[in-house]
Amino acid sequence: MNWHVTIHAKAQKNIAKLPGRVQKTLAFLLREIEINGPARGNWPNYGKLGKDKYHCHLKKGQPTYVAVWQVIDKEIRLVEVTYAGTHEKAPY
């Protein structure tokens, strides 16, 4: 059974401002989360930020872009992306 991935409204606004290449990378990440679940240890600089909250880098260099997501409900397999943007403004 696949996971359902939603994107927080504030994150949706940030995603629209990201470079096209980073948007494609994020889309690939979201598809991987849908298929394989929220723990994505195969992504660069992946890390657990707390109970059921994760992040990884979408693009290294200057600027570095990151994504942050959290598990909302394990039973119905719901994950929400709470942030996508530059590393400097990341909520961690």
N, C-alpha and C. Protein backbone atom coordinates (compact mmCIF):
# COMPACT_ATOMS: atom_id res chain seq x y z
N MET A 1 0.84 -1.17 0.00
CA MET A 1 0.00 0.00 0.00
C MET A 1 0.89 1.24 0.00
N ASN A 2 0.57 2.21 -0.85
CA ASN A 2 1.34 3.44 -0.97
C ASN A 2 0.99 4.44 0.12
N TRP A 3 1.90 5.39 0.33
CA TRP A 3 1.69 6.50 1.24
C TRP A 3 1.04 7.63 0.46
N HIS A 4 0.23 8.43 1.13
CA HIS A 4 -0.37 9.61 0.53
C HIS A 4 0.45 10.82 0.98
N VAL A 5 0.92 11.62 0.01
CA VAL A 5 1.76 12.77 0.32
C VAL A 5 0.98 14.05 0.02
N THR A 6 0.89 14.94 1.02
CA THR A 6 0.27 16.25 0.83
C THR A 6 1.35 17.32 1.01
N ILE A 7 1.05 18.51 0.52
CA ILE A 7 1.99 19.61 0.63
C ILE A 7 1.30 20.76 1.34
N HIS A 8 1.89 21.22 2.43
CA HIS A 8 1.36 22.34 3.20
C HIS A 8 1.27 23.57 2.30
N ALA A 9 0.27 24.42 2.52
CA ALA A 9 0.04 25.59 1.67
C ALA A 9 1.26 26.51 1.58
N LYS A 10 1.93 26.72 2.70
CA LYS A 10 3.12 27.59 2.70
C LYS A 10 4.25 26.95 1.89
N ALA A 11 4.40 25.64 2.00
CA ALA A 11 5.42 24.94 1.23
C ALA A 11 5.08 25.00 -0.25
N GLN A 12 3.80 24.94 -0.59
CA GLN A 12 3.36 25.01 -1.99
C GLN A 12 3.81 26.33 -2.62
N LYS A 13 3.69 27.42 -1.87
CA LYS A 13 4.13 28.73 -2.37
C LYS A 13 5.64 28.74 -2.60
N ASN A 14 6.39 28.16 -1.67
CA ASN A 14 7.85 28.11 -1.81
C ASN A 14 8.26 27.26 -3.01
N ILE A 15 7.56 26.15 -3.24
CA ILE A 15 7.90 25.25 -4.33
C ILE A 15 7.77 25.96 -5.67
N ALA A 16 6.75 26.80 -5.79
CA ALA A 16 6.54 27.54 -7.04
C ALA A 16 7.71 28.47 -7.36
N LYS A 17 8.45 28.89 -6.34
CA LYS A 17 9.57 29.81 -6.52
C LYS A 17 10.90 29.09 -6.75
N LEU A 18 10.94 27.77 -6.57
CA LEU A 18 12.18 27.02 -6.72
C LEU A 18 12.57 26.92 -8.20
N PRO A 19 13.89 26.79 -8.47
CA PRO A 19 14.33 26.55 -9.85
C PRO A 19 13.72 25.26 -10.39
N GLY A 20 13.53 25.19 -11.69
CA GLY A 20 12.90 24.03 -12.32
C GLY A 20 13.56 22.70 -11.99
N ARG A 21 14.88 22.68 -11.99
CA ARG A 21 15.62 21.44 -11.70
C ARG A 21 15.32 20.96 -10.27
N VAL A 22 15.25 21.89 -9.33
CA VAL A 22 14.98 21.55 -7.94
C VAL A 22 13.53 21.06 -7.80
N GLN A 23 12.61 21.67 -8.54
CA GLN A 23 11.21 21.21 -8.52
C GLN A 23 11.10 19.78 -9.01
N LYS A 24 11.85 19.44 -10.06
CA LYS A 24 11.84 18.07 -10.59
C LYS A 24 12.42 17.09 -9.57
N THR A 25 13.48 17.50 -8.90
CA THR A 25 14.09 16.65 -7.87
C THR A 25 13.10 16.42 -6.73
N LEU A 26 12.40 17.47 -6.32
CA LEU A 26 11.39 17.35 -5.26
C LEU A 26 10.27 16.41 -5.70
N ALA A 27 9.82 16.53 -6.94
CA ALA A 27 8.76 15.65 -7.45
C ALA A 27 9.21 14.19 -7.39
N PHE A 28 10.48 13.94 -7.71
CA PHE A 28 11.02 12.59 -7.65
C PHE A 28 11.05 12.09 -6.20
N LEU A 29 11.47 12.96 -5.28
CA LEU A 29 11.48 12.61 -3.85
C LEU A 29 10.07 12.26 -3.37
N LEU A 30 9.09 13.08 -3.73
CA LEU A 30 7.72 12.84 -3.30
C LEU A 30 7.20 11.51 -3.84
N ARG A 31 7.57 11.18 -5.06
CA ARG A 31 7.15 9.89 -5.64
C ARG A 31 7.80 8.74 -4.88
N GLU A 32 9.07 8.89 -4.52
CA GLU A 32 9.75 7.85 -3.73
C GLU A 32 9.09 7.68 -2.36
N ILE A 33 8.69 8.79 -1.73
CA ILE A 33 8.02 8.71 -0.43
C ILE A 33 6.68 7.98 -0.59
N GLU A 34 5.95 8.28 -1.66
CA GLU A 34 4.67 7.60 -1.90
C GLU A 34 4.85 6.09 -2.01
N ILE A 35 5.88 5.68 -2.72
CA ILE A 35 6.09 4.26 -2.99
C ILE A 35 6.76 3.54 -1.82
N ASN A 36 7.82 4.14 -1.26
CA ASN A 36 8.66 3.44 -0.28
C ASN A 36 8.53 3.92 1.16
N GLY A 37 7.78 4.99 1.40
CA GLY A 37 7.62 5.48 2.76
C GLY A 37 8.50 6.67 3.06
N PRO A 38 8.31 7.27 4.24
CA PRO A 38 8.98 8.53 4.57
C PRO A 38 10.47 8.44 4.90
N ALA A 39 10.97 7.31 5.31
CA ALA A 39 12.40 7.17 5.64
C ALA A 39 13.18 6.99 4.34
N ARG A 40 13.92 8.01 3.92
CA ARG A 40 14.61 8.00 2.63
C ARG A 40 16.11 8.11 2.83
N GLY A 41 16.72 7.11 3.39
CA GLY A 41 18.15 7.11 3.68
C GLY A 41 19.04 7.16 2.46
N ASN A 42 18.48 6.98 1.27
CA ASN A 42 19.28 7.00 0.05
C ASN A 42 19.44 8.40 -0.54
N TRP A 43 18.93 9.43 0.13
CA TRP A 43 19.02 10.81 -0.35
C TRP A 43 20.17 11.53 0.35
N PRO A 44 20.79 12.53 -0.33
CA PRO A 44 21.93 13.24 0.27
C PRO A 44 21.53 14.02 1.52
N ASN A 45 22.36 13.91 2.52
CA ASN A 45 22.18 14.61 3.79
C ASN A 45 20.81 14.36 4.41
N TYR A 46 20.28 13.17 4.19
CA TYR A 46 19.02 12.77 4.81
C TYR A 46 19.22 12.69 6.31
N GLY A 47 18.21 13.10 7.07
CA GLY A 47 18.30 12.99 8.51
C GLY A 47 16.93 13.04 9.16
N LYS A 48 16.87 12.42 10.30
CA LYS A 48 15.65 12.45 11.09
C LYS A 48 15.74 13.65 12.02
N LEU A 49 14.71 14.50 12.02
CA LEU A 49 14.72 15.72 12.82
C LEU A 49 14.02 15.55 14.16
N GLY A 50 13.36 14.47 14.35
CA GLY A 50 12.61 14.22 15.57
C GLY A 50 11.66 13.08 15.32
N LYS A 51 10.71 12.92 16.19
CA LYS A 51 9.75 11.84 16.04
C LYS A 51 8.93 12.06 14.76
N ASP A 52 9.10 11.20 13.79
CA ASP A 52 8.35 11.21 12.54
C ASP A 52 8.55 12.47 11.71
N LYS A 53 9.71 13.13 11.82
CA LYS A 53 10.00 14.31 11.01
C LYS A 53 11.37 14.12 10.36
N TYR A 54 11.46 14.42 9.05
CA TYR A 54 12.65 14.11 8.28
C TYR A 54 13.03 15.28 7.38
N HIS A 55 14.28 15.26 6.86
CA HIS A 55 14.70 16.24 5.87
C HIS A 55 15.79 15.64 4.99
N CYS A 56 16.00 16.24 3.84
CA CYS A 56 17.13 15.89 2.98
C CYS A 56 17.42 17.06 2.05
N HIS A 57 18.60 17.03 1.44
CA HIS A 57 19.00 18.07 0.50
C HIS A 57 18.49 17.72 -0.89
N LEU A 58 17.95 18.70 -1.56
CA LEU A 58 17.49 18.53 -2.94
C LEU A 58 18.59 18.96 -3.91
N LYS A 59 19.41 19.92 -3.50
CA LYS A 59 20.52 20.41 -4.31
C LYS A 59 21.61 20.91 -3.38
N LYS A 60 22.83 20.46 -3.63
CA LYS A 60 23.97 20.94 -2.85
C LYS A 60 24.54 22.18 -3.50
N GLY A 61 25.44 22.84 -2.83
CA GLY A 61 26.09 24.03 -3.38
C GLY A 61 25.47 25.30 -2.84
N GLN A 62 25.66 26.39 -3.58
CA GLN A 62 25.12 27.68 -3.15
C GLN A 62 24.04 28.12 -4.12
N PRO A 63 22.83 28.28 -3.75
CA PRO A 63 22.28 27.93 -2.44
C PRO A 63 21.94 26.44 -2.38
N THR A 64 21.89 25.93 -1.17
CA THR A 64 21.47 24.55 -0.94
C THR A 64 19.97 24.55 -0.73
N TYR A 65 19.28 23.64 -1.38
CA TYR A 65 17.83 23.52 -1.23
C TYR A 65 17.51 22.24 -0.46
N VAL A 66 16.54 22.34 0.46
CA VAL A 66 16.16 21.20 1.29
C VAL A 66 14.65 21.00 1.26
N ALA A 67 14.24 19.81 1.67
CA ALA A 67 12.82 19.50 1.87
C ALA A 67 12.67 18.94 3.27
N VAL A 68 11.57 19.30 3.93
CA VAL A 68 11.25 18.80 5.27
C VAL A 68 9.85 18.21 5.19
N TRP A 69 9.69 17.00 5.73
CA TRP A 69 8.37 16.36 5.74
C TRP A 69 8.17 15.63 7.05
N GLN A 70 6.91 15.36 7.36
CA GLN A 70 6.60 14.65 8.60
C GLN A 70 5.44 13.69 8.37
N VAL A 71 5.43 12.63 9.16
CA VAL A 71 4.35 11.65 9.11
C VAL A 71 3.20 12.22 9.95
N ILE A 72 2.04 12.34 9.33
CA ILE A 72 0.87 12.86 10.01
C ILE A 72 0.09 11.72 10.65
N ASP A 73 -0.04 10.62 9.91
CA ASP A 73 -0.81 9.47 10.41
C ASP A 73 -0.22 8.19 9.84
N LYS A 74 0.33 7.33 10.69
CA LYS A 74 0.93 6.07 10.24
C LYS A 74 -0.13 5.07 9.80
N GLU A 75 -1.29 5.10 10.42
CA GLU A 75 -2.32 4.12 10.12
C GLU A 75 -2.87 4.29 8.71
N ILE A 76 -3.13 5.54 8.31
CA ILE A 76 -3.64 5.76 6.96
C ILE A 76 -2.51 6.14 6.00
N ARG A 77 -1.28 6.13 6.48
CA ARG A 77 -0.08 6.39 5.70
C ARG A 77 -0.13 7.77 5.04
N LEU A 78 -0.16 8.80 5.87
CA LEU A 78 -0.23 10.17 5.41
C LEU A 78 1.04 10.92 5.79
N VAL A 79 1.68 11.54 4.80
CA VAL A 79 2.89 12.33 4.98
C VAL A 79 2.62 13.73 4.44
N GLU A 80 3.12 14.76 5.16
CA GLU A 80 2.95 16.14 4.69
C GLU A 80 4.30 16.80 4.54
N VAL A 81 4.54 17.42 3.39
CA VAL A 81 5.73 18.22 3.18
C VAL A 81 5.47 19.57 3.83
N THR A 82 6.30 19.94 4.79
CA THR A 82 6.07 21.18 5.52
C THR A 82 6.98 22.32 5.06
N TYR A 83 8.07 22.00 4.35
CA TYR A 83 8.97 23.04 3.88
C TYR A 83 9.76 22.54 2.68
N ALA A 84 9.97 23.40 1.72
CA ALA A 84 10.88 23.17 0.61
C ALA A 84 11.45 24.53 0.24
N GLY A 85 12.75 24.65 0.30
CA GLY A 85 13.38 25.93 0.01
C GLY A 85 14.85 25.91 0.37
N THR A 86 15.40 27.09 0.58
CA THR A 86 16.83 27.19 0.87
C THR A 86 17.14 26.68 2.27
N HIS A 87 18.35 26.22 2.41
CA HIS A 87 18.81 25.66 3.68
C HIS A 87 18.81 26.71 4.80
N GLU A 88 19.09 27.96 4.45
CA GLU A 88 19.19 29.03 5.45
C GLU A 88 17.86 29.27 6.17
N LYS A 89 16.75 29.08 5.48
CA LYS A 89 15.43 29.35 6.07
C LYS A 89 14.72 28.10 6.56
N ALA A 90 15.39 26.97 6.52
CA ALA A 90 14.76 25.70 6.92
C ALA A 90 14.38 25.70 8.39
N PRO A 91 13.23 25.13 8.72
CA PRO A 91 12.73 25.13 10.11
C PRO A 91 13.31 24.02 10.98
N TYR A 92 14.63 24.00 11.13
CA TYR A 92 15.26 23.04 12.04
C TYR A 92 16.50 23.58 12.65
